[in-house]
Each structure stands twice: as structure tokens, then as C-alpha cells.
Amino acid sequence: MVQLSPEESLLLLSCRVLLGKSDDAVLTSLVQSGPDWSFVLWRAETYQTLPLLHYHLQRLGLEDAVPDEVQAYLRNWTTVSQARSREQFRELGRVVAALQRLGIDHYVMKGAAIAASVYPDPLLRAMQDLDIMILPRDAWRVQREIYRLGYKHGVFDPKNGRFTPIFKPITPQSLRSKHALHSVTRTVRIAAPIAPTLLPEAWRRRQLKSFSNSDGTLTVPVFIDFHVSLSPGMALADVWRGASAENLLGQQVKLQSPTAMLWFSAARLYHEAFQHGTLKLQMFGDIDAILRVHHDRIDWAELLVMVKKYKIEPALFYVLSQAQRLYGSPMPAGALELLEPSQSKAPAEHDWGDILPKLLSRPLVNDFEFA
């Protein structure tokens, strides 16, 4: 049994949006115990879960239990994050409308789809970019249309607010070897949601990409990734399986299916953590929310077929096991047993063990004894 620290416990609880009464009681006790707030803020900022932490403190009336400087940090970061998210969703509406007008098949996936379909307020989930799936055959048409809408390939520099266009041609080879086109960007100017002096450069360089202008506005880059697959080599029928039209913030938009949201989020969380050292506790909270909100719509038979077909059983087993252990995330009886790696066979290629020590950056070595 590994004993989590108060700070780790606070992070693991506050990365979720849907908490029960017992969770609220534990969270309240942890906040009132006076945790190391510098550690909590640093980790939550890295995980992009600061808006959720701020939301839970407000919801439970715990703001007075938190030091003033911590309240200010949470409030300011959340305010800027939500201002960026509003622009991202506004741009998503424009882009989706353009694709619909041209009859280009597509669906919204990853952060925007999850935020809009399982969070009570989509602005609670910070987003780096927007992700849209298209068919490979439409890549050139999409590139032309997105340029017409003011997006370009290139690099945004948060030090000076400049965007440098760098045209990236699409080739049959790039479509075969990559799962997405090169990212496109459009910069927009908005009224600064907080005073420029309260927006540290470190925030603007990392998760809250932006630039403070001298006229009191904020230049915000909107990044869009157009995907042609979920992973190189995946069959198109599997990539598009179950995608259907849903109401997204008052607009009919095709979204990734809840089943695909679940297995893709779990696999992505696992592989990014171990292969790239990208630790996204935010996605762990996403998975719990998907399981709770969409539990009646998840096709577990389809999920098992997909994870076995693409050999991602270990990722699903370790991620979903911890979601069930820590949060009681709803899953059908026997599902985890069907995903569990076998001790009588050679280990799977991408079986790196438990996800939680990695997510928490815990240098954990278990204590074993001989029989």
C-alpha cells in the first residue's frame, strides 16, 4: 500500500470535475490541513488542472481556507485560461461551419469534444489546441479552406506576439507516415482579462500562450491540429467508428464517440507519460468523467475488440484499474480482467507497468520478499 501525501491526494481529487459527498469531505479536510500550496500550484499548473481546483474551492466555499496569494494565483490563471478557451470555442464554431458548408466530413475530438460533452462548464477544462479529424483525401481542400479563414502553418512567439508563417506542403507520403497535418494557427486580439502586470511571462510561454499588447489587449494564438488518423496504420473504419452528430454549445457537430473517447484517452495518457514524459493528470480526470457521464453509451465489446486489435491492453488495464481503485469510476464487472496482462506470456511491447507513480513523478520501488 502506497500512502499518498496530502498534496498528491489534493491533486488527484481536484483533477476530476464530478465529485461525490465523500470526495468533497476528503477534499475539504485536505484544504483545511494547510498543504504545501507552492507544490500544489506548480503541479496543478503543469497538469493544467488549476481551473478545476479553483472551481472546487469555490463550490465548497473553501476560498477563505486558502492563503490570499494562492487565491490570486488560481483566480488569475483561471481567468486567462477561460478567456483563451472562449476564443478557441468561437473559432471552432467558425471552422466547423466552413467544413460543413463545403461538405467535408469531420469530427471534433480530444479536449474540445471532452470539455463540451462531459464537463458541466466547458471552460473548466484548459485546452492547448483544437483537434479535428478529417479524411486523408480531403487534406488539401481543408488546407486551402483553413488558409482562407486566416489560419497558417508557422510559429507563434509569446515573447513579442509575432507569428512567422512557414508553409508546409501536404504530400501522399506525409499522409501515410503522420497521423496529423502540421498545426495551423490564427492569432486573435481580445481585451486583456487581467492586468498585464498580473500575467507572468512564464504563463505566456507555457500553457497560457499569449502576448500582452501595450494597448491593453491580449494576442491569443488559436492552434488547430487536423488529424487524418488516430495512429499511423490504423484502419479508417476504426478511426471513424461511432462518430455522430451531437449538440456542441448550441451547434450540431459530429463528435468522436464516447467509446473511442475512452480508449483513445487512456491509451494516449499512458503512452505520452512513458514515451514522452508528458504527464497529464488532466486526462486522468477526463477518463473518470467520460465513464460517469457516458457510462450507458460506452460499447465495452467494441472497446475490447479495438484495444486487442491494436495491442493497447496494458495501457487500458493500468489506467482504468487506477480510475476504479481511486475514484470508483463505473465499469462493467469483468472488464479489467479481460484487459489484464498475462503472467504466463511474454510481456507486451508497451507494458511499462502502473501509470500512477509515473503521473505523480514518484520514484517508487516496491518491497518484495521471497516465498
Protein backbone atom coordinates (compact mmCIF):
# COMPACT_ATOMS: atom_id res chain seq x y z
CA MET A 1 0.00 0.00 0.00
CA VAL A 2 1.44 3.37 -1.06
CA GLN A 3 0.47 6.29 1.17
CA LEU A 4 -0.18 9.41 -0.87
CA SER A 5 0.86 12.77 0.52
CA PRO A 6 -1.81 15.42 1.26
CA GLU A 7 -0.59 17.34 -1.80
CA GLU A 8 -0.80 14.31 -4.10
CA SER A 9 -4.24 13.47 -2.73
CA LEU A 10 -5.43 17.03 -3.34
CA LEU A 11 -4.15 16.92 -6.92
CA LEU A 12 -5.75 13.54 -7.64
CA LEU A 13 -9.13 14.62 -6.29
CA SER A 14 -9.20 18.07 -7.89
CA CYS A 15 -8.29 16.85 -11.38
CA ARG A 16 -11.85 15.48 -11.62
CA VAL A 17 -14.97 17.52 -12.22
CA LEU A 18 -17.64 15.19 -10.77
CA LEU A 19 -17.11 14.55 -7.05
CA GLY A 20 -19.35 12.75 -4.58
CA LYS A 21 -20.07 13.71 -0.98
CA SER A 22 -17.26 11.56 0.42
CA ASP A 23 -14.82 13.11 -2.08
CA ASP A 24 -15.95 16.58 -1.02
CA ALA A 25 -15.35 15.71 2.62
CA VAL A 26 -11.81 14.48 1.93
CA LEU A 27 -11.04 17.48 -0.27
CA THR A 28 -12.31 19.86 2.40
CA SER A 29 -10.16 18.20 5.06
CA LEU A 30 -7.07 18.34 2.83
CA VAL A 31 -7.52 22.05 2.05
CA GLN A 32 -8.07 22.91 5.72
CA SER A 33 -4.97 20.93 6.78
CA GLY A 34 -2.69 23.52 5.18
CA PRO A 35 -0.91 21.63 2.39
CA ASP A 36 2.24 22.85 0.66
CA TRP A 37 0.48 25.19 -1.73
CA SER A 38 3.59 26.02 -3.75
CA PHE A 39 3.92 22.34 -4.66
CA VAL A 40 0.19 22.00 -5.40
CA LEU A 41 0.14 25.08 -7.64
CA TRP A 42 3.28 24.01 -9.51
CA ARG A 43 1.94 20.53 -10.19
CA ALA A 44 -1.62 21.63 -11.00
CA GLU A 45 -0.30 24.22 -13.44
CA THR A 46 1.80 21.57 -15.17
CA TYR A 47 -1.22 19.26 -15.28
CA GLN A 48 -3.49 22.16 -16.44
CA THR A 49 -5.94 21.43 -13.63
CA LEU A 50 -5.81 24.84 -11.92
CA PRO A 51 -9.29 25.87 -13.17
CA LEU A 52 -10.75 22.68 -11.70
CA LEU A 53 -9.02 23.26 -8.35
CA HIS A 54 -10.34 26.83 -8.33
CA TYR A 55 -13.84 25.55 -9.20
CA HIS A 56 -13.90 23.05 -6.33
CA LEU A 57 -12.65 25.62 -3.80
CA GLN A 58 -15.45 27.98 -4.86
CA ARG A 59 -18.06 25.23 -4.99
CA LEU A 60 -17.23 24.05 -1.46
CA GLY A 61 -16.84 27.55 -0.01
CA LEU A 62 -13.20 26.91 0.85
CA GLU A 63 -11.58 30.05 -0.54
CA ASP A 64 -11.08 31.57 2.91
CA ALA A 65 -9.12 28.45 3.93
CA VAL A 66 -6.53 29.22 1.24
CA PRO A 67 -3.81 31.90 1.53
CA ASP A 68 -4.59 35.13 -0.34
CA GLU A 69 -1.67 34.77 -2.74
CA VAL A 70 -2.83 31.25 -3.66
CA GLN A 71 -6.36 32.51 -4.28
CA ALA A 72 -4.99 35.27 -6.54
CA TYR A 73 -2.80 32.82 -8.46
CA LEU A 74 -5.72 30.46 -9.06
CA ARG A 75 -8.13 33.25 -9.95
CA ASN A 76 -5.79 34.94 -12.44
CA TRP A 77 -4.65 31.73 -14.14
CA THR A 78 -8.24 30.54 -14.45
CA THR A 79 -9.44 33.87 -15.82
CA VAL A 80 -6.84 33.87 -18.60
CA SER A 81 -7.38 30.18 -19.34
CA GLN A 82 -11.12 30.69 -19.71
CA ALA A 83 -10.64 33.74 -21.92
CA ARG A 84 -8.45 31.62 -24.23
CA SER A 85 -10.99 28.79 -24.20
CA ARG A 86 -13.80 31.15 -25.24
CA GLU A 87 -11.80 32.19 -28.29
CA GLN A 88 -10.93 28.57 -29.06
CA PHE A 89 -14.59 27.52 -28.99
CA ARG A 90 -15.59 30.59 -31.01
CA GLU A 91 -13.02 29.68 -33.66
CA LEU A 92 -14.08 26.04 -33.55
CA GLY A 93 -17.60 27.14 -34.48
CA ARG A 94 -16.29 29.11 -37.48
CA VAL A 95 -14.11 26.26 -38.72
CA VAL A 96 -16.77 23.57 -38.29
CA ALA A 97 -19.32 25.75 -40.10
CA ALA A 98 -16.89 26.15 -43.01
CA LEU A 99 -16.25 22.40 -43.21
CA GLN A 100 -19.99 21.71 -43.12
CA ARG A 101 -20.61 24.27 -45.86
CA LEU A 102 -18.07 22.51 -48.10
CA GLY A 103 -19.43 19.05 -47.30
CA ILE A 104 -16.11 17.91 -45.79
CA ASP A 105 -16.65 15.01 -43.38
CA HIS A 106 -15.04 15.58 -39.99
CA TYR A 107 -15.46 15.14 -36.25
CA VAL A 108 -14.23 17.05 -33.20
CA MET A 109 -12.00 15.04 -30.86
CA LYS A 110 -9.78 15.19 -27.77
CA GLY A 111 -10.03 18.23 -25.47
CA ALA A 112 -12.81 20.23 -27.11
CA ALA A 113 -15.05 17.18 -27.54
CA ILE A 114 -14.48 16.05 -23.95
CA ALA A 115 -14.88 19.54 -22.46
CA ALA A 116 -18.16 20.13 -24.27
CA SER A 117 -19.67 16.69 -23.69
CA VAL A 118 -18.76 15.73 -20.10
CA TYR A 119 -17.92 18.94 -18.21
CA PRO A 120 -20.77 20.99 -16.69
CA ASP A 121 -18.90 24.09 -17.89
CA PRO A 122 -16.56 23.50 -20.87
CA LEU A 123 -14.37 26.40 -19.72
CA LEU A 124 -13.27 24.37 -16.69
CA ARG A 125 -11.05 22.26 -18.93
CA ALA A 126 -7.99 24.16 -20.15
CA MET A 127 -7.02 23.42 -23.77
CA GLN A 128 -3.76 23.89 -25.64
CA ASP A 129 -5.30 23.46 -29.08
CA LEU A 130 -8.28 22.18 -31.07
CA ASP A 131 -8.31 18.77 -32.73
CA ILE A 132 -10.43 17.84 -35.74
CA MET A 133 -10.44 14.53 -37.63
CA ILE A 134 -10.74 14.64 -41.42
CA LEU A 135 -10.40 12.07 -44.20
CA PRO A 136 -6.94 11.91 -45.85
CA ARG A 137 -8.48 12.57 -49.25
CA ASP A 138 -9.78 15.95 -48.01
CA ALA A 139 -6.45 17.19 -46.59
CA TRP A 140 -5.66 19.55 -49.50
CA ARG A 141 -9.20 21.03 -49.54
CA VAL A 142 -9.04 21.57 -45.78
CA GLN A 143 -5.66 23.29 -46.06
CA ARG A 144 -6.98 25.68 -48.72
CA GLU A 145 -10.11 26.49 -46.71
CA ILE A 146 -8.29 26.97 -43.43
CA TYR A 147 -5.87 29.40 -45.09
CA ARG A 148 -8.90 31.29 -46.44
CA LEU A 149 -10.14 31.59 -42.84
CA GLY A 150 -6.86 33.21 -41.78
CA TYR A 151 -5.02 30.19 -40.40
CA LYS A 152 -1.47 29.40 -41.45
CA HIS A 153 1.29 26.94 -40.68
CA GLY A 154 4.03 28.63 -38.68
CA VAL A 155 5.36 29.61 -35.27
CA PHE A 156 3.92 31.99 -32.64
CA ASP A 157 6.47 33.73 -30.41
CA PRO A 158 4.99 34.65 -26.99
CA LYS A 159 7.96 36.95 -26.32
CA ASN A 160 6.80 39.52 -28.86
CA GLY A 161 3.42 38.29 -30.12
CA ARG A 162 4.69 37.74 -33.65
CA PHE A 163 3.61 34.89 -35.86
CA THR A 164 6.03 33.65 -38.53
CA PRO A 165 4.29 31.77 -41.37
CA ILE A 166 6.05 28.64 -42.64
CA PHE A 167 4.13 26.90 -45.38
CA LYS A 168 4.02 23.11 -45.02
CA PRO A 169 3.05 21.18 -48.16
CA ILE A 170 0.92 18.05 -47.86
CA THR A 171 2.19 15.01 -49.75
CA PRO A 172 0.90 11.43 -50.10
CA GLN A 173 3.98 10.34 -48.13
CA SER A 174 3.23 12.70 -45.22
CA LEU A 175 -0.35 11.45 -45.09
CA ARG A 176 0.87 7.86 -44.86
CA SER A 177 3.56 8.46 -42.25
CA LYS A 178 1.88 11.00 -39.94
CA HIS A 179 -1.43 10.91 -38.10
CA ALA A 180 -1.97 14.69 -38.42
CA LEU A 181 -1.19 17.62 -40.69
CA HIS A 182 1.19 20.29 -39.47
CA SER A 183 -0.57 22.52 -36.95
CA VAL A 184 -2.18 25.73 -38.19
CA THR A 185 -2.51 28.95 -36.20
CA ARG A 186 -4.58 32.12 -36.23
CA THR A 187 -3.94 34.95 -33.78
CA VAL A 188 -6.82 36.96 -32.32
CA ARG A 189 -6.81 40.05 -30.13
CA ILE A 190 -9.04 40.23 -27.08
CA ALA A 191 -9.43 42.65 -24.19
CA ALA A 192 -6.92 41.61 -21.54
CA PRO A 193 -8.93 39.66 -18.92
CA ILE A 194 -6.47 40.68 -16.16
CA ALA A 195 -3.97 43.50 -15.77
CA PRO A 196 -0.79 42.84 -17.80
CA THR A 197 1.32 43.07 -14.64
CA LEU A 198 -0.56 40.03 -13.29
CA LEU A 199 0.28 37.87 -16.32
CA PRO A 200 3.81 36.48 -15.81
CA GLU A 201 5.91 35.72 -18.87
CA ALA A 202 6.26 32.12 -17.63
CA TRP A 203 2.49 31.64 -18.04
CA ARG A 204 2.51 33.12 -21.54
CA ARG A 205 5.40 30.91 -22.64
CA ARG A 206 3.82 27.69 -21.46
CA GLN A 207 0.17 26.68 -21.07
CA LEU A 208 -1.36 30.17 -21.48
CA LYS A 209 0.27 31.04 -24.80
CA SER A 210 -0.39 34.75 -25.38
CA PHE A 211 1.18 38.20 -25.58
CA SER A 212 0.24 41.38 -23.67
CA ASN A 213 -0.01 44.38 -26.01
CA SER A 214 0.65 47.98 -24.94
CA ASP A 215 -2.96 48.96 -25.78
CA GLY A 216 -4.38 46.68 -23.07
CA THR A 217 -5.26 43.80 -25.37
CA LEU A 218 -4.03 40.23 -25.38
CA THR A 219 -2.87 38.44 -28.53
CA VAL A 220 -4.02 34.83 -28.31
CA PRO A 221 -2.94 32.14 -30.77
CA VAL A 222 -5.57 29.55 -31.68
CA PHE A 223 -3.88 26.31 -32.71
CA ILE A 224 -5.70 23.62 -34.70
CA ASP A 225 -4.48 20.12 -35.47
CA PHE A 226 -6.25 18.37 -38.34
CA HIS A 227 -5.87 14.62 -37.90
CA VAL A 228 -6.11 12.00 -40.64
CA SER A 229 -5.83 9.05 -38.24
CA LEU A 230 -5.70 8.26 -34.53
CA SER A 231 -2.39 6.48 -35.08
CA PRO A 232 -0.33 5.70 -38.21
CA GLY A 233 -1.51 2.46 -39.80
CA MET A 234 -4.95 2.39 -38.15
CA ALA A 235 -7.82 1.34 -40.42
CA LEU A 236 -10.03 4.27 -41.42
CA ALA A 237 -13.17 2.35 -40.45
CA ASP A 238 -11.81 2.11 -36.89
CA VAL A 239 -10.79 5.78 -36.82
CA TRP A 240 -14.33 6.88 -37.71
CA ARG A 241 -16.25 4.19 -35.83
CA GLY A 242 -19.21 5.60 -33.88
CA ALA A 243 -18.64 9.31 -34.61
CA SER A 244 -22.02 11.03 -34.66
CA ALA A 245 -23.69 14.45 -34.57
CA GLU A 246 -24.17 15.94 -31.11
CA ASN A 247 -25.19 19.32 -29.74
CA LEU A 248 -21.95 21.19 -29.07
CA LEU A 249 -22.59 24.52 -27.35
CA GLY A 250 -25.76 25.07 -29.35
CA GLN A 251 -24.42 23.83 -32.68
CA GLN A 252 -24.84 20.41 -34.28
CA VAL A 253 -21.33 19.00 -34.59
CA LYS A 254 -20.04 15.50 -35.22
CA LEU A 255 -18.04 14.27 -32.20
CA GLN A 256 -15.79 11.31 -31.51
CA SER A 257 -17.85 8.51 -29.96
CA PRO A 258 -17.77 8.05 -26.16
CA THR A 259 -16.27 4.57 -26.66
CA ALA A 260 -13.43 5.98 -28.76
CA MET A 261 -13.01 8.90 -26.36
CA LEU A 262 -12.41 6.44 -23.55
CA TRP A 263 -9.95 4.01 -25.12
CA PHE A 264 -8.10 6.74 -27.03
CA SER A 265 -7.74 8.98 -23.94
CA ALA A 266 -6.47 6.11 -21.79
CA ALA A 267 -4.01 4.92 -24.43
CA ARG A 268 -2.79 8.46 -25.09
CA LEU A 269 -2.34 9.22 -21.39
CA TYR A 270 -0.33 6.05 -20.90
CA HIS A 271 1.92 6.30 -23.95
CA GLU A 272 2.61 10.02 -23.63
CA ALA A 273 3.59 9.58 -19.98
CA PHE A 274 6.04 6.76 -20.59
CA GLN A 275 7.30 7.58 -24.09
CA HIS A 276 7.46 11.37 -23.90
CA GLY A 277 7.42 12.17 -20.18
CA THR A 278 4.28 14.25 -20.74
CA LEU A 279 2.32 13.90 -17.52
CA LYS A 280 -1.34 14.83 -17.97
CA LEU A 281 -3.30 14.29 -14.80
CA GLN A 282 -5.98 16.38 -16.53
CA MET A 283 -6.60 13.42 -18.85
CA PHE A 284 -6.96 11.08 -15.86
CA GLY A 285 -9.81 13.30 -14.69
CA ASP A 286 -11.24 13.26 -18.23
CA ILE A 287 -11.39 9.47 -18.15
CA ASP A 288 -13.37 9.43 -14.90
CA ALA A 289 -15.81 11.99 -16.32
CA ILE A 290 -16.26 10.03 -19.58
CA LEU A 291 -17.01 6.87 -17.59
CA ARG A 292 -19.56 8.65 -15.41
CA VAL A 293 -21.36 10.80 -17.98
CA HIS A 294 -21.31 8.32 -20.86
CA HIS A 295 -21.48 5.01 -18.95
CA ASP A 296 -24.69 3.99 -20.78
CA ARG A 297 -23.21 4.80 -24.20
CA ILE A 298 -19.84 3.07 -23.94
CA ASP A 299 -19.74 -0.11 -26.01
CA TRP A 300 -17.40 -2.30 -23.98
CA ALA A 301 -17.44 -5.11 -26.53
CA GLU A 302 -16.25 -2.67 -29.19
CA LEU A 303 -13.66 -1.24 -26.81
CA LEU A 304 -12.21 -4.69 -26.09
CA VAL A 305 -12.04 -5.50 -29.79
CA MET A 306 -10.23 -2.24 -30.54
CA VAL A 307 -7.67 -2.46 -27.75
CA LYS A 308 -6.80 -6.07 -28.60
CA LYS A 309 -6.62 -5.33 -32.32
CA TYR A 310 -4.15 -2.50 -31.75
CA LYS A 311 -2.38 -4.15 -28.79
CA ILE A 312 -3.02 -1.44 -26.22
CA GLU A 313 -4.43 -3.68 -23.48
CA PRO A 314 -1.72 -2.73 -20.94
CA ALA A 315 -2.48 0.99 -21.28
CA LEU A 316 -6.21 0.45 -20.72
CA PHE A 317 -5.63 -2.02 -17.88
CA TYR A 318 -3.33 0.18 -15.80
CA VAL A 319 -5.20 3.44 -16.40
CA LEU A 320 -8.72 2.06 -15.86
CA SER A 321 -7.63 -0.04 -12.88
CA GLN A 322 -6.41 3.05 -11.05
CA ALA A 323 -9.51 5.03 -12.05
CA GLN A 324 -11.67 2.34 -10.49
CA ARG A 325 -9.48 1.94 -7.37
CA LEU A 326 -9.11 5.65 -6.63
CA TYR A 327 -12.42 7.06 -7.83
CA GLY A 328 -14.80 4.13 -8.12
CA SER A 329 -15.23 5.01 -11.81
CA PRO A 330 -18.09 2.85 -13.14
CA MET A 331 -17.08 -0.13 -15.28
CA PRO A 332 -18.80 -3.44 -16.04
CA ALA A 333 -17.79 -6.45 -13.96
CA GLY A 334 -15.03 -8.46 -15.57
CA ALA A 335 -13.84 -5.73 -17.97
CA LEU A 336 -10.49 -5.24 -16.24
CA GLU A 337 -9.85 -8.99 -16.07
CA LEU A 338 -10.18 -9.17 -19.86
CA LEU A 339 -7.56 -6.43 -20.21
CA GLU A 340 -5.12 -7.71 -17.58
CA PRO A 341 -1.69 -8.73 -18.95
CA SER A 342 -0.90 -12.45 -18.61
CA GLN A 343 1.98 -13.56 -16.38
CA SER A 344 2.35 -16.77 -18.40
CA LYS A 345 3.21 -14.99 -21.66
CA ALA A 346 5.99 -12.67 -22.77
CA PRO A 347 5.26 -9.07 -21.71
CA ALA A 348 3.56 -6.87 -24.28
CA GLU A 349 5.83 -4.44 -26.12
CA HIS A 350 4.34 -1.35 -24.46
CA ASP A 351 3.73 -2.71 -20.97
CA TRP A 352 5.51 -0.30 -18.64
CA GLY A 353 3.52 -1.08 -15.51
CA ASP A 354 1.41 1.11 -13.24
CA ILE A 355 0.67 4.61 -14.53
CA LEU A 356 0.21 6.34 -11.18
CA PRO A 357 3.85 6.52 -9.98
CA LYS A 358 4.73 7.98 -13.38
CA LEU A 359 1.92 10.55 -13.30
CA LEU A 360 2.97 11.65 -9.81
CA SER A 361 6.71 11.54 -10.65
CA ARG A 362 7.12 9.07 -7.81
CA PRO A 363 10.50 7.21 -7.75
CA LEU A 364 8.72 4.16 -6.38
CA VAL A 365 10.37 0.76 -5.83
CA ASN A 366 8.04 -1.87 -4.37
CA ASP A 367 9.22 -4.05 -1.48
CA PHE A 368 9.29 -7.78 -2.37
CA GLU A 369 10.07 -10.85 -0.29
CA PHE A 370 10.89 -14.41 -1.36
CA ALA A 371 8.20 -17.04 -0.81
